[in-house]
Amino acid sequence: MIGRLNHVAIAVRDIAAASALYRDTLGARVTAPVDQPAHGVTVVFVELPNTKIEFLQPLGADSPIARFLDKNPDGGIHHVCYEVDDIIAARDHLKAQGARILGDGEPKIGAHDKPVLFLHPKDFNGTLVELEQA
C-alpha cells in the first residue's frame, strides 16, 4: 500500500540555523521557509536525490511542534511520510486493520498541497507516520 518515502521531518527550534547547517556544511539544496498556519508550523525542505528532509519550526505557542520541542528540547525526528496512491482507500484499509487516524480522520492539505493523514505513533512502533497522496 505504501509507496516511496516522501520525507523525514525533523522538529527544530531555529529553522534558519538548521537550514544553514545543511546548506553550508553538507552542501544540500534547501528551499525557502513557508508558513503553514493550518498545521501550526513553518517548513523548509532539504532536497536530496532520493527523498527530502523537512524541518518543522513552531508557528505560535500552541503549535504541536512547540509541544514536541517542550518534550525534546534539542529537537529531533518528528515523523516519516510515505506516499500512497489513494489516501481515502489507504485510510479505510488502515481503519479496518485497527489503526488509529489522528484528528477527525479526514485528509488535510499538507505542505506539498496534497492530501495528508497522520497515523497514531502507538500503532506504528512509536513513530508518527504521515501518509501523503502521491
C-alpha atoms as a PDB file:
ATOM      1  CA  MET A   1       0.000   0.000   0.000  1.00  0.00           C
ATOM      2  CA  ILE A   2       2.740   2.495   0.855  1.00  0.00           C
ATOM      3  CA  GLY A   3       4.960   3.859  -1.843  1.00  0.00           C
ATOM      4  CA  ARG A   4       8.212   5.700  -1.633  1.00  0.00           C
ATOM      5  CA  LEU A   5       9.479   7.607   1.377  1.00  0.00           C
ATOM      6  CA  ASN A   6       8.469  11.215   0.710  1.00  0.00           C
ATOM      7  CA  HIS A   7      10.320  12.831   3.611  1.00  0.00           C
ATOM      8  CA  VAL A   8      11.600  12.560   7.149  1.00  0.00           C
ATOM      9  CA  ALA A   9      10.512  15.507   9.325  1.00  0.00           C
ATOM     10  CA  ILE A  10      12.792  16.975  11.962  1.00  0.00           C
ATOM     11  CA  ALA A  11      11.474  19.410  14.578  1.00  0.00           C
ATOM     12  CA  VAL A  12      13.827  22.363  15.114  1.00  0.00           C
ATOM     13  CA  ARG A  13      13.796  25.484  17.249  1.00  0.00           C
ATOM     14  CA  ASP A  14      15.626  27.605  14.661  1.00  0.00           C
ATOM     15  CA  ILE A  15      14.774  26.797  11.063  1.00  0.00           C
ATOM     16  CA  ALA A  16      17.296  29.319   9.700  1.00  0.00           C
ATOM     17  CA  ALA A  17      20.146  27.730  11.650  1.00  0.00           C
ATOM     18  CA  ALA A  18      19.084  24.203  10.646  1.00  0.00           C
ATOM     19  CA  SER A  19      18.837  25.291   7.007  1.00  0.00           C
ATOM     20  CA  ALA A  20      22.268  26.928   7.116  1.00  0.00           C
ATOM     21  CA  LEU A  21      23.803  23.822   8.682  1.00  0.00           C
ATOM     22  CA  TYR A  22      22.521  21.545   5.913  1.00  0.00           C
ATOM     23  CA  ARG A  23      23.184  24.079   3.139  1.00  0.00           C
ATOM     24  CA  ASP A  24      26.593  25.335   4.218  1.00  0.00           C
ATOM     25  CA  THR A  25      28.048  22.298   5.980  1.00  0.00           C
ATOM     26  CA  LEU A  26      26.530  19.452   3.982  1.00  0.00           C
ATOM     27  CA  GLY A  27      26.113  21.276   0.669  1.00  0.00           C
ATOM     28  CA  ALA A  28      22.412  20.479   0.438  1.00  0.00           C
ATOM     29  CA  ARG A  29      19.805  22.344  -1.561  1.00  0.00           C
ATOM     30  CA  VAL A  30      17.324  23.924   0.884  1.00  0.00           C
ATOM     31  CA  THR A  31      14.008  25.558  -0.021  1.00  0.00           C
ATOM     32  CA  ALA A  32      12.796  28.875   1.340  1.00  0.00           C
ATOM     33  CA  PRO A  33      10.713  28.781   4.550  1.00  0.00           C
ATOM     34  CA  VAL A  34       6.955  28.560   4.101  1.00  0.00           C
ATOM     35  CA  ASP A  35       4.420  29.177   6.870  1.00  0.00           C
ATOM     36  CA  GLN A  36       1.709  26.534   7.157  1.00  0.00           C
ATOM     37  CA  PRO A  37      -0.804  28.180   9.532  1.00  0.00           C
ATOM     38  CA  ALA A  38      -3.304  25.314   9.252  1.00  0.00           C
ATOM     39  CA  HIS A  39      -0.658  22.983  10.722  1.00  0.00           C
ATOM     40  CA  GLY A  40       0.955  25.492  13.082  1.00  0.00           C
ATOM     41  CA  VAL A  41       4.415  25.225  11.528  1.00  0.00           C
ATOM     42  CA  THR A  42       6.945  26.863   9.284  1.00  0.00           C
ATOM     43  CA  VAL A  43       8.618  24.360   6.959  1.00  0.00           C
ATOM     44  CA  VAL A  44      11.629  24.080   4.712  1.00  0.00           C
ATOM     45  CA  PHE A  45      12.676  21.092   2.654  1.00  0.00           C
ATOM     46  CA  VAL A  46      16.184  19.792   2.172  1.00  0.00           C
ATOM     47  CA  GLU A  47      16.063  18.236  -1.290  1.00  0.00           C
ATOM     48  CA  LEU A  48      18.040  15.018  -1.680  1.00  0.00           C
ATOM     49  CA  PRO A  49      18.382  12.839  -4.800  1.00  0.00           C
ATOM     50  CA  ASN A  50      16.062  10.148  -3.419  1.00  0.00           C
ATOM     51  CA  THR A  51      13.855  11.931  -0.829  1.00  0.00           C
ATOM     52  CA  LYS A  52      13.571  15.067   1.313  1.00  0.00           C
ATOM     53  CA  ILE A  53      14.200  16.174   4.878  1.00  0.00           C
ATOM     54  CA  GLU A  54      11.546  18.530   6.251  1.00  0.00           C
ATOM     55  CA  PHE A  55      12.428  20.956   9.018  1.00  0.00           C
ATOM     56  CA  LEU A  56       9.464  21.964  11.194  1.00  0.00           C
ATOM     57  CA  GLN A  57       9.570  25.067  13.359  1.00  0.00           C
ATOM     58  CA  PRO A  58       6.631  26.032  15.585  1.00  0.00           C
ATOM     59  CA  LEU A  59       4.385  28.767  14.251  1.00  0.00           C
ATOM     60  CA  GLY A  60       2.967  30.015  17.543  1.00  0.00           C
ATOM     61  CA  ALA A  61       2.991  28.737  21.107  1.00  0.00           C
ATOM     62  CA  ASP A  62       0.109  26.281  20.591  1.00  0.00           C
ATOM     63  CA  SER A  63       1.788  24.508  17.666  1.00  0.00           C
ATOM     64  CA  PRO A  64       2.065  20.722  18.034  1.00  0.00           C
ATOM     65  CA  ILE A  65       5.752  21.173  17.211  1.00  0.00           C
ATOM     66  CA  ALA A  66       6.134  23.548  20.188  1.00  0.00           C
ATOM     67  CA  ARG A  67       4.771  20.771  22.417  1.00  0.00           C
ATOM     68  CA  PHE A  68       7.142  18.263  20.789  1.00  0.00           C
ATOM     69  CA  LEU A  69      10.082  20.607  21.445  1.00  0.00           C
ATOM     70  CA  ASP A  70       8.973  21.067  25.073  1.00  0.00           C
ATOM     71  CA  LYS A  71       9.454  17.303  25.476  1.00  0.00           C
ATOM     72  CA  ASN A  72      12.528  17.165  23.216  1.00  0.00           C
ATOM     73  CA  PRO A  73      14.421  20.428  23.761  1.00  0.00           C
ATOM     74  CA  ASP A  74      17.135  19.597  21.234  1.00  0.00           C
ATOM     75  CA  GLY A  75      14.581  18.750  18.542  1.00  0.00           C
ATOM     76  CA  GLY A  76      14.674  15.500  16.630  1.00  0.00           C
ATOM     77  CA  ILE A  77      12.836  13.301  14.217  1.00  0.00           C
ATOM     78  CA  HIS A  78       9.130  14.086  14.393  1.00  0.00           C
ATOM     79  CA  HIS A  79       7.629  11.841  11.691  1.00  0.00           C
ATOM     80  CA  VAL A  80       8.172   9.908   8.485  1.00  0.00           C
ATOM     81  CA  CYS A  81       5.989  10.457   5.432  1.00  0.00           C
ATOM     82  CA  TYR A  82       5.113   7.739   2.928  1.00  0.00           C
ATOM     83  CA  GLU A  83       3.317   8.223  -0.346  1.00  0.00           C
ATOM     84  CA  VAL A  84       0.097   6.395  -1.170  1.00  0.00           C
ATOM     85  CA  ASP A  85      -1.814   6.324  -4.443  1.00  0.00           C
ATOM     86  CA  ASP A  86      -5.251   6.827  -2.882  1.00  0.00           C
ATOM     87  CA  ILE A  87      -5.369   8.355   0.585  1.00  0.00           C
ATOM     88  CA  ILE A  88      -9.043   7.507   1.180  1.00  0.00           C
ATOM     89  CA  ALA A  89      -8.524   3.851   0.241  1.00  0.00           C
ATOM     90  CA  ALA A  90      -5.411   3.764   2.448  1.00  0.00           C
ATOM     91  CA  ARG A  91      -7.314   5.342   5.354  1.00  0.00           C
ATOM     92  CA  ASP A  92     -10.196   2.906   5.037  1.00  0.00           C
ATOM     93  CA  HIS A  93      -7.846  -0.082   4.836  1.00  0.00           C
ATOM     94  CA  LEU A  94      -5.887   1.075   7.879  1.00  0.00           C
ATOM     95  CA  LYS A  95      -9.030   1.716   9.918  1.00  0.00           C
ATOM     96  CA  ALA A  96     -10.289  -1.773   9.014  1.00  0.00           C
ATOM     97  CA  GLN A  97      -6.981  -3.127  10.351  1.00  0.00           C
ATOM     98  CA  GLY A  98      -7.465  -1.251  13.640  1.00  0.00           C
ATOM     99  CA  ALA A  99      -5.010   1.598  13.053  1.00  0.00           C
ATOM    100  CA  ARG A 100      -5.928   4.961  14.531  1.00  0.00           C
ATOM    101  CA  ILE A 101      -6.049   8.034  12.297  1.00  0.00           C
ATOM    102  CA  LEU A 102      -5.277  11.261  14.146  1.00  0.00           C
ATOM    103  CA  GLY A 103      -7.621  14.252  14.082  1.00  0.00           C
ATOM    104  CA  ASP A 104     -11.063  13.827  12.575  1.00  0.00           C
ATOM    105  CA  GLY A 105      -9.911  11.139  10.139  1.00  0.00           C
ATOM    106  CA  GLU A 106     -10.347  13.360   7.101  1.00  0.00           C
ATOM    107  CA  PRO A 107      -7.329  14.283   4.962  1.00  0.00           C
ATOM    108  CA  LYS A 108      -5.933  17.794   5.297  1.00  0.00           C
ATOM    109  CA  ILE A 109      -3.859  19.631   2.703  1.00  0.00           C
ATOM    110  CA  GLY A 110      -0.177  19.334   3.585  1.00  0.00           C
ATOM    111  CA  ALA A 111       2.966  21.284   2.757  1.00  0.00           C
ATOM    112  CA  HIS A 112       3.068  19.920  -0.799  1.00  0.00           C
ATOM    113  CA  ASP A 113      -0.564  20.961  -1.430  1.00  0.00           C
ATOM    114  CA  LYS A 114      -1.604  17.304  -1.401  1.00  0.00           C
ATOM    115  CA  PRO A 115      -3.939  15.433   0.971  1.00  0.00           C
ATOM    116  CA  VAL A 116      -2.279  14.025   4.088  1.00  0.00           C
ATOM    117  CA  LEU A 117      -3.237  11.967   7.137  1.00  0.00           C
ATOM    118  CA  PHE A 118      -1.332  11.144  10.306  1.00  0.00           C
ATOM    119  CA  LEU A 119      -1.363   7.737  11.993  1.00  0.00           C
ATOM    120  CA  HIS A 120      -1.100   7.251  15.748  1.00  0.00           C
ATOM    121  CA  PRO A 121       2.503   6.531  16.768  1.00  0.00           C
ATOM    122  CA  LYS A 122       1.443   3.865  19.264  1.00  0.00           C
ATOM    123  CA  ASP A 123       0.164   1.821  16.319  1.00  0.00           C
ATOM    124  CA  PHE A 124       3.458   2.125  14.374  1.00  0.00           C
ATOM    125  CA  ASN A 125       6.317   1.230  16.711  1.00  0.00           C
ATOM    126  CA  GLY A 126       6.373   4.621  18.423  1.00  0.00           C
ATOM    127  CA  THR A 127       6.722   6.550  15.154  1.00  0.00           C
ATOM    128  CA  LEU A 128       4.304   9.198  13.935  1.00  0.00           C
ATOM    129  CA  VAL A 129       3.510   8.291  10.317  1.00  0.00           C
ATOM    130  CA  GLU A 130       2.209  10.729   7.730  1.00  0.00           C
ATOM    131  CA  LEU A 131       0.590   9.478   4.552  1.00  0.00           C
ATOM    132  CA  GLU A 132       0.563  11.767   1.527  1.00  0.00           C
ATOM    133  CA  GLN A 133      -1.379  11.125  -1.643  1.00  0.00           C
ATOM    134  CA  ALA A 134       1.138  10.908  -4.489  1.00  0.00           C
END
